[in-house]
Protein backbone atom coordinates (compact mmCIF):
# COMPACT_ATOMS: atom_id res chain seq x y z
CA UNK A 1 2.27 7.10 34.98
CA UNK A 2 4.43 8.02 31.98
CA UNK A 3 3.20 6.80 28.60
CA UNK A 4 5.65 6.62 25.66
CA UNK A 5 4.04 5.95 22.24
CA UNK A 6 5.76 4.18 19.34
CA UNK A 7 4.68 3.81 15.73
CA UNK A 8 5.23 0.56 13.80
CA UNK A 9 5.46 -0.07 10.06
CA UNK A 10 5.60 -3.68 8.84
CA UNK A 11 8.30 -4.15 6.20
CA UNK A 12 7.88 -7.87 5.43
CA UNK A 13 4.99 -10.31 6.11
CA UNK A 14 4.59 -10.85 9.84
CA UNK A 15 3.41 -14.36 10.78
CA UNK A 16 1.94 -13.70 14.22
CA UNK A 17 -0.22 -16.19 16.05
CA UNK A 18 -3.45 -15.33 17.78
CA UNK A 19 -4.79 -15.96 21.26
CA UNK A 20 -8.19 -17.07 19.99
CA UNK A 21 -9.43 -19.96 17.90
CA UNK A 22 -9.86 -17.92 14.73
CA UNK A 23 -7.04 -18.36 12.15
CA UNK A 24 -5.94 -14.72 12.09
CA UNK A 25 -2.67 -12.93 12.78
CA UNK A 26 -3.02 -10.74 15.88
CA UNK A 27 -1.13 -7.65 16.96
CA UNK A 28 -0.64 -8.53 20.63
CA UNK A 29 1.09 -6.92 23.59
CA UNK A 30 2.49 -10.30 24.68
CA UNK A 31 4.45 -10.63 21.42
CA UNK A 32 5.93 -7.14 21.83
CA UNK A 33 6.82 -7.82 25.44
CA UNK A 34 8.64 -11.01 24.48
CA UNK A 35 10.79 -9.20 21.91
CA UNK A 36 11.63 -6.36 24.30
CA UNK A 37 12.62 -8.82 27.00
CA UNK A 38 14.83 -10.81 24.62
CA UNK A 39 16.63 -7.74 23.27
CA UNK A 40 16.95 -6.34 26.80
CA UNK A 41 18.88 -9.46 27.82
CA UNK A 42 21.07 -9.17 24.72
CA UNK A 43 22.19 -5.61 25.49
CA UNK A 44 22.25 -6.04 29.28
CA UNK A 45 24.72 -8.92 28.97
CA UNK A 46 27.17 -6.63 27.16
CA UNK A 47 26.69 -3.71 29.53
CA UNK A 48 26.96 -5.80 32.70
CA UNK A 49 29.78 -8.08 31.58
CA UNK A 50 27.73 -11.26 31.75
CA UNK A 51 26.74 -10.78 35.41
CA UNK A 52 23.64 -13.01 35.35
CA UNK A 53 22.49 -11.95 38.81
CA UNK A 54 22.50 -8.26 37.92
CA UNK A 55 20.92 -8.93 34.52
CA UNK A 56 18.12 -10.82 36.25
CA UNK A 57 17.63 -8.06 38.82
CA UNK A 58 17.26 -5.31 36.21
CA UNK A 59 15.08 -7.51 34.01
CA UNK A 60 12.69 -8.16 36.90
CA UNK A 61 12.58 -4.42 37.63
CA UNK A 62 11.12 -3.87 34.17
CA UNK A 63 9.32 -7.07 33.26
CA UNK A 64 8.47 -8.51 36.68
CA UNK A 65 8.73 -12.03 38.01
CA UNK A 66 6.72 -14.46 40.12
CA UNK A 67 7.64 -12.29 43.12
CA UNK A 68 7.07 -8.78 41.83
CA UNK A 69 4.86 -6.85 39.45
CA UNK A 70 6.22 -5.59 36.16
CA UNK A 71 7.47 -2.01 36.19
CA UNK A 72 6.07 -1.41 32.71
CA UNK A 73 2.88 -2.20 30.87
CA UNK A 74 2.44 -2.47 27.10
CA UNK A 75 -0.70 -1.61 25.19
CA UNK A 76 -1.30 -2.01 21.47
CA UNK A 77 -2.89 0.42 19.05
CA UNK A 78 -5.48 -0.43 16.40
CA UNK A 79 -4.63 -2.05 13.09
CA UNK A 80 -6.89 -2.04 10.04
CA UNK A 81 -8.69 -5.24 9.10
CA UNK A 82 -7.14 -5.27 5.63
CA UNK A 83 -3.72 -5.78 7.27
CA UNK A 84 -4.67 -9.39 8.01
CA UNK A 85 -3.97 -11.68 5.06
CA UNK A 86 -5.64 -15.09 5.17
CA UNK A 87 -3.79 -18.38 4.70
CA UNK A 88 -3.41 -19.33 1.03
CA UNK A 89 -4.02 -15.79 -0.21
CA UNK A 90 -0.50 -15.01 -1.44
CA UNK A 91 1.85 -16.86 -3.76
CA UNK A 92 5.44 -16.57 -2.57
CA UNK A 93 7.45 -16.66 -5.77
CA UNK A 94 10.66 -14.69 -6.36
CA UNK A 95 10.41 -11.74 -8.77
CA UNK A 96 11.42 -12.86 -12.27
CA UNK A 97 14.36 -10.42 -12.32
CA UNK A 98 15.69 -11.38 -8.88
CA UNK A 99 18.89 -13.32 -8.17
CA UNK A 100 18.60 -17.04 -9.06
CA UNK A 101 14.83 -16.65 -9.48
CA UNK A 102 14.65 -19.54 -11.93
CA UNK A 103 16.58 -22.02 -9.78
CA UNK A 104 15.95 -21.16 -6.11
CA UNK A 105 12.99 -19.79 -4.20
CA UNK A 106 14.67 -17.77 -1.45
CA UNK A 107 11.34 -16.49 -0.10
CA UNK A 108 10.05 -20.02 0.53
CA UNK A 109 13.43 -21.14 1.89
CA UNK A 110 13.56 -18.37 4.49
CA UNK A 111 9.86 -18.79 5.26
CA UNK A 112 9.91 -22.57 5.75
CA UNK A 113 6.99 -23.46 8.00
CA UNK A 114 4.49 -20.64 7.54
CA UNK A 115 5.18 -20.83 3.79
CA UNK A 116 4.60 -24.16 2.11
CA UNK A 117 3.04 -25.90 -0.87
CA UNK A 118 -0.66 -26.04 -1.53
CA UNK A 119 -1.00 -28.20 -4.61
CA UNK A 120 1.21 -26.57 -7.23
CA UNK A 121 1.39 -23.22 -5.45
CA UNK A 122 3.98 -21.98 -2.96
CA UNK A 123 1.82 -20.00 -0.59
CA UNK A 124 1.38 -18.88 3.01
CA UNK A 125 -0.16 -21.68 5.06
CA UNK A 126 -0.58 -19.27 7.97
CA UNK A 127 -2.16 -15.80 8.04
CA UNK A 128 0.09 -12.76 8.33
CA UNK A 129 0.07 -9.00 8.83
CA UNK A 130 0.81 -7.34 5.50
CA UNK A 131 3.87 -5.25 4.63
CA UNK A 132 3.22 -1.53 4.44
CA UNK A 133 0.54 -1.59 7.12
CA UNK A 134 1.03 0.50 10.23
CA UNK A 135 0.03 0.34 13.88
CA UNK A 136 1.43 1.38 17.25
CA UNK A 137 2.16 0.39 20.81
CA UNK A 138 2.65 2.29 24.06
CA UNK A 139 4.98 1.62 26.97
CA UNK A 140 3.54 2.72 30.32
CA UNK A 141 6.02 3.20 33.15
CA UNK A 142 4.25 2.26 36.37
CA UNK A 143 7.22 3.19 38.52
CA UNK A 144 8.14 6.89 38.58
CA UNK A 145 11.75 5.95 39.26
CA UNK A 146 11.85 4.01 35.98
CA UNK A 147 10.17 6.89 34.16
CA UNK A 148 12.90 9.22 35.43
CA UNK A 149 15.60 7.11 33.81
CA UNK A 150 18.31 4.90 35.23
CA UNK A 151 20.22 1.87 34.03
CA UNK A 152 17.23 -0.43 33.44
CA UNK A 153 15.38 2.22 31.42
CA UNK A 154 18.49 3.04 29.40
CA UNK A 155 18.95 -0.62 28.51
CA UNK A 156 15.27 -0.86 27.54
CA UNK A 157 15.73 2.01 25.09
CA UNK A 158 18.75 0.25 23.57
CA UNK A 159 16.59 -2.89 23.30
CA UNK A 160 13.97 -0.96 21.30
CA UNK A 161 16.66 0.42 19.00
CA UNK A 162 18.08 -3.09 18.41
CA UNK A 163 14.67 -4.58 17.78
CA UNK A 164 13.88 -1.90 15.20
CA UNK A 165 17.18 -2.18 13.31
CA UNK A 166 17.99 -5.89 13.57
CA UNK A 167 14.95 -7.84 14.73
CA UNK A 168 11.45 -8.78 13.78
CA UNK A 169 8.27 -10.30 15.12
CA UNK A 170 6.50 -13.62 14.70
CA UNK A 171 7.46 -16.90 13.07
CA UNK A 172 10.68 -16.83 10.98
CA UNK A 173 11.58 -13.41 12.39
CA UNK A 174 15.27 -14.40 12.39
CA UNK A 175 14.96 -15.15 8.70
CA UNK A 176 13.74 -11.75 7.56
CA UNK A 177 10.00 -12.17 8.02
CA UNK A 178 8.22 -9.86 10.45
CA UNK A 179 10.82 -7.11 9.89
CA UNK A 180 9.50 -3.78 11.06
CA UNK A 181 10.56 -0.20 11.59
CA UNK A 182 9.74 1.63 14.79
CA UNK A 183 9.28 5.37 15.16
CA UNK A 184 9.32 7.11 18.53
CA UNK A 185 7.88 10.42 19.73
CA UNK A 186 9.65 13.65 18.82
CA UNK A 187 11.57 13.64 22.11
CA UNK A 188 12.64 10.02 21.59
CA UNK A 189 13.90 9.69 18.00
CA UNK A 190 15.09 6.28 16.81
CA UNK A 191 18.80 6.65 16.01
CA UNK A 192 20.26 5.42 12.74
CA UNK A 193 21.55 1.86 12.44
CA UNK A 194 25.18 2.89 12.30
CA UNK A 195 24.62 5.43 15.04
CA UNK A 196 23.20 2.64 17.19
CA UNK A 197 26.24 0.43 16.62
CA UNK A 198 28.56 3.33 17.39
CA UNK A 199 26.69 4.05 20.62
CA UNK A 200 26.62 0.38 21.61
CA UNK A 201 30.38 0.18 21.19
CA UNK A 202 30.88 3.35 23.19
CA UNK A 203 28.40 2.56 25.96
CA UNK A 204 29.39 -1.09 26.39
CA UNK A 205 33.06 -0.78 25.38
CA UNK A 206 32.58 -3.50 22.77
CA UNK A 207 34.98 -4.34 19.97
CA UNK A 208 33.39 -6.44 17.22
CA UNK A 209 36.40 -8.22 15.80
CA UNK A 210 36.65 -11.71 17.31
CA UNK A 211 35.39 -14.92 15.75
CA UNK A 212 33.01 -17.37 17.37
CA UNK A 213 35.21 -20.36 16.48
CA UNK A 214 38.22 -18.83 18.24
CA UNK A 215 38.92 -20.91 21.35
CA UNK A 216 40.10 -17.77 23.18
CA UNK A 217 36.71 -16.05 22.87
CA UNK A 218 34.39 -16.41 25.86
CA UNK A 219 30.95 -16.61 24.28
CA UNK A 220 27.80 -15.55 26.17
CA UNK A 221 25.62 -18.27 27.68
CA UNK A 222 22.63 -16.94 25.73
CA UNK A 223 22.02 -14.81 22.62
CA UNK A 224 23.66 -11.47 23.40
CA UNK A 225 26.02 -8.78 22.18
CA UNK A 226 29.66 -9.71 22.68
CA UNK A 227 33.12 -9.17 21.14
CA UNK A 228 32.26 -11.91 18.61
CA UNK A 229 29.25 -9.96 17.27
CA UNK A 230 29.35 -9.19 13.53
CA UNK A 231 27.07 -6.85 11.54
CA UNK A 232 26.62 -6.69 7.77
CA UNK A 233 24.64 -4.62 5.28
CA UNK A 234 23.84 -5.63 1.72
CA UNK A 235 25.99 -3.63 -0.68
CA UNK A 236 23.01 -2.54 -2.77
CA UNK A 237 19.48 -1.64 -1.79
CA UNK A 238 16.78 -3.54 -3.67
CA UNK A 239 13.46 -2.40 -5.17
CA UNK A 240 11.06 -4.59 -3.14
CA UNK A 241 11.04 -6.67 0.02
CA UNK A 242 10.57 -9.72 -2.20
CA UNK A 243 13.84 -8.94 -3.99
CA UNK A 244 15.57 -8.47 -0.62
CA UNK A 245 14.41 -11.80 0.82
CA UNK A 246 15.15 -13.60 -2.44
CA UNK A 247 18.73 -12.25 -2.49
CA UNK A 248 19.48 -13.41 1.05
CA UNK A 249 17.71 -16.73 0.60
CA UNK A 250 19.56 -17.46 -2.64
CA UNK A 251 22.97 -16.78 -1.06
CA UNK A 252 22.14 -19.09 1.85
CA UNK A 253 20.90 -21.85 -0.44
CA UNK A 254 24.05 -21.61 -2.55
CA UNK A 255 26.34 -21.59 0.48
CA UNK A 256 24.63 -24.54 2.13
CA UNK A 257 24.75 -26.55 -1.07
CA UNK A 258 28.49 -26.05 -1.23
CA UNK A 259 28.76 -27.11 2.40
CA UNK A 260 27.06 -30.42 1.65
CA UNK A 261 30.13 -31.47 -0.34
CA UNK A 262 28.12 -33.45 -2.87
CA UNK A 263 25.25 -34.18 -0.48
CA UNK A 264 27.42 -36.53 1.58
CA UNK A 265 25.58 -35.71 4.79
CA UNK A 266 22.29 -36.56 3.07
CA UNK A 267 23.76 -39.85 1.90
CA UNK A 268 24.69 -40.64 5.51
CA UNK A 269 21.10 -40.01 6.59
CA UNK A 270 19.64 -42.15 3.80
CA UNK A 271 22.14 -44.99 3.45
CA UNK A 272 24.13 -45.11 6.67
CA UNK A 273 27.48 -43.79 5.44
CA UNK A 274 29.52 -42.82 8.51
CA UNK A 275 30.04 -39.07 8.63
CA UNK A 276 30.44 -36.51 11.36
CA UNK A 277 27.79 -34.01 12.39
CA UNK A 278 27.46 -31.54 9.46
CA UNK A 279 28.98 -28.11 9.99
CA UNK A 280 25.64 -26.62 8.91
CA UNK A 281 24.10 -27.26 12.32
CA UNK A 282 25.80 -23.98 13.30
CA UNK A 283 22.83 -22.24 11.67
CA UNK A 284 20.50 -23.81 14.25
CA UNK A 285 18.61 -26.95 15.19
CA UNK A 286 16.70 -29.06 14.33
CA UNK A 287 18.27 -29.92 10.98
CA UNK A 288 16.13 -32.33 9.00
CA UNK A 289 16.98 -34.75 6.20
CA UNK A 290 13.58 -35.32 4.61
CA UNK A 291 11.86 -38.32 6.19
CA UNK A 292 15.16 -40.06 6.97
CA UNK A 293 16.24 -38.43 10.22
CA UNK A 294 16.61 -35.18 12.09
CA UNK A 295 19.49 -33.62 14.00
CA UNK A 296 18.64 -32.28 17.45
CA UNK A 297 20.33 -31.62 20.74
CA UNK A 298 20.46 -34.67 23.03
CA UNK A 299 18.24 -32.84 25.54
CA UNK A 300 17.11 -29.61 23.85
CA UNK A 301 15.50 -30.36 20.49
CA UNK A 302 15.73 -26.76 19.28
CA UNK A 303 18.50 -24.19 19.05
CA UNK A 304 17.53 -20.84 17.52
CA UNK A 305 19.77 -19.52 14.80
CA UNK A 306 22.45 -17.05 15.97
CA UNK A 307 22.08 -15.21 12.64
CA UNK A 308 19.42 -12.49 12.50
CA UNK A 309 18.24 -11.44 9.04
CA UNK A 310 16.42 -8.12 8.93
CA UNK A 311 15.03 -6.22 5.94
CA UNK A 312 15.42 -2.47 6.44
CA UNK A 313 13.31 0.01 4.50
CA UNK A 314 15.21 2.98 3.07
CA UNK A 315 12.80 5.41 1.42
CA UNK A 316 11.58 3.44 -1.61
CA UNK A 317 14.18 0.66 -1.36
CA UNK A 318 14.94 -2.33 0.88
CA UNK A 319 18.32 -3.41 2.27
CA UNK A 320 19.09 -6.73 4.00
CA UNK A 321 20.91 -6.34 7.33
CA UNK A 322 22.53 -9.33 9.03
CA UNK A 323 23.42 -9.51 12.71
CA UNK A 324 25.42 -12.42 14.10
CA UNK A 325 25.13 -12.92 17.87
CA UNK A 326 27.03 -16.13 18.63
CA UNK A 327 26.66 -17.74 22.03
CA UNK A 328 27.23 -21.15 23.62
CA UNK A 329 25.54 -23.44 21.11
CA UNK A 330 23.90 -25.83 23.59
CA UNK A 331 23.94 -25.61 27.41
CA UNK A 332 25.95 -27.94 29.61
CA UNK A 333 24.04 -30.99 30.83
CA UNK A 334 24.62 -33.45 33.65
CA UNK A 335 25.04 -37.13 32.81
CA UNK A 336 26.44 -39.82 35.14
CA UNK A 337 27.13 -37.15 37.78
CA UNK A 338 29.33 -35.21 35.37
CA UNK A 339 28.72 -31.90 33.59
CA UNK A 340 29.67 -31.58 29.93
CA UNK A 341 28.57 -29.83 26.75
CA UNK A 342 25.30 -31.14 25.38
CA UNK A 343 25.97 -33.22 22.24
CA UNK A 344 24.04 -33.25 18.98
CA UNK A 345 22.33 -36.53 18.09
CA UNK A 346 20.83 -38.07 14.94
CA UNK A 347 17.26 -39.20 15.59
CA UNK A 348 15.56 -41.57 13.18
CA UNK A 349 11.78 -41.99 12.93
CA UNK A 350 10.09 -45.26 13.95
CA UNK A 351 10.20 -47.81 11.16
CA UNK A 352 13.46 -46.43 9.80
CA UNK A 353 16.19 -48.84 8.72
CA UNK A 354 18.39 -47.20 11.36
CA UNK A 355 18.03 -47.15 15.18
CA UNK A 356 15.81 -44.50 16.75
CA UNK A 357 18.81 -43.03 18.59
CA UNK A 358 21.79 -42.27 16.39
CA UNK A 359 25.40 -41.22 16.87
CA UNK A 360 26.18 -38.52 19.42
CA UNK A 361 28.81 -35.90 18.79
CA UNK A 362 29.84 -32.72 20.59
CA UNK A 363 29.57 -29.43 18.74
CA UNK A 364 33.06 -28.41 17.60
CA UNK A 365 34.70 -25.21 16.43
CA UNK A 366 33.74 -26.15 12.86
CA UNK A 367 30.04 -25.85 13.64
CA UNK A 368 30.67 -22.49 15.31
CA UNK A 369 32.71 -21.23 12.34
CA UNK A 370 30.16 -22.06 9.66
CA UNK A 371 28.18 -18.82 10.09
CA UNK A 372 31.43 -16.82 10.05
CA UNK A 373 32.32 -18.64 6.82
CA UNK A 374 29.01 -17.63 5.24
CA UNK A 375 29.48 -14.01 6.30
CA UNK A 376 33.03 -13.98 4.97
CA UNK A 377 31.72 -15.44 1.72
CA UNK A 378 29.15 -12.70 1.09
CA UNK A 379 31.85 -10.13 1.83
CA UNK A 380 34.42 -11.77 -0.45
CA UNK A 381 31.89 -11.83 -3.28
CA UNK A 382 31.02 -8.17 -2.56
CA UNK A 383 27.38 -8.97 -1.97
CA UNK A 384 27.55 -7.37 1.49
CA UNK A 385 29.85 -5.15 3.53
CA UNK A 386 30.74 -5.57 7.18
CA UNK A 387 30.14 -2.59 9.43
CA UNK A 388 33.69 -1.88 10.56
CA UNK A 389 34.83 -0.72 13.96
CA UNK A 390 36.35 2.40 12.41
CA UNK A 391 33.34 4.39 11.25
CA UNK A 392 35.48 7.14 9.75
CA UNK A 393 36.02 4.84 6.75
CA UNK A 394 32.33 4.76 5.86
CA UNK A 395 29.63 7.34 5.53
CA UNK A 396 26.96 7.20 8.23
CA UNK A 397 23.73 5.83 6.86
């Protein structure tokens, strides 16, 4: 049985749940397995051209199914007790010299849920694993054929690379929390971020230049690499992870405020003004309007954001990295013996002055384009740079 060890360094607070009743953040094999499986699907879709049957076959080879045992096992290494930070122990305020520190709390905005208000303090309402702490995990290959290599193993390695450079772990991991860096053994070095993108393009024959709102683009049925994928790096590295999260959070707050067009969509929710579904739902569902109403899918109440925010550590600095993996926004559903795209619906709480079930509307190209518009905005304002397809124009980082 081949064992491959990996080291882990937490870059931003990691809000992991625990299996027990104690309110602590736990470093668990199940959480690692879930991330590896998700990133495996993302890269396998690109490599196999969206062949769901073949993707499923290779996935079951590694991760198992109800009919077969997993081909790999994951074990976790120890982590020091001081890595676990109790709820309410940290105040999440932007550094005083950070972007828009006086007017917008980007850390709380990106951490909505595990970060909230406790009296007058903005603090963590859930425990987390602290930045700067280290631990490890091992992958054990039960099947010698997997240990020897092959397509499934190659895709698993790409999944680990992607997780390290673009992903995270725990709650709000797509919003920059739970960012980590992974180190492999000497015979399995983790390639650079730009080297990874170059190899992905070469191995999967991808060209990242389409736009998700383009009607000619065939988007994946689930979150995966595709021709519509876009990758960005912040133009400047920042001194702390708090500065990095504040910068990204502030740009998102500013962009979303502009997209409200004078808070018209909020006025619709509060007063009943007839408006269409806001473009901002392209960042994910549900979308709430205080206590007035919430936007959800007609069948699926949640839709994870297609925008991954990752904070990369570069020596003594931190650089935000954004990965956009657009896919079909909501799956097709069957109603009245007909299949069609699942619509978005306004839902109002009981006792509201409006009906419990609100207007239904299909997701349009405008909702798909909103993330592209944000990414174009941070490029136009020179906050970030897009990783171009021609790497000869930029130095390899």
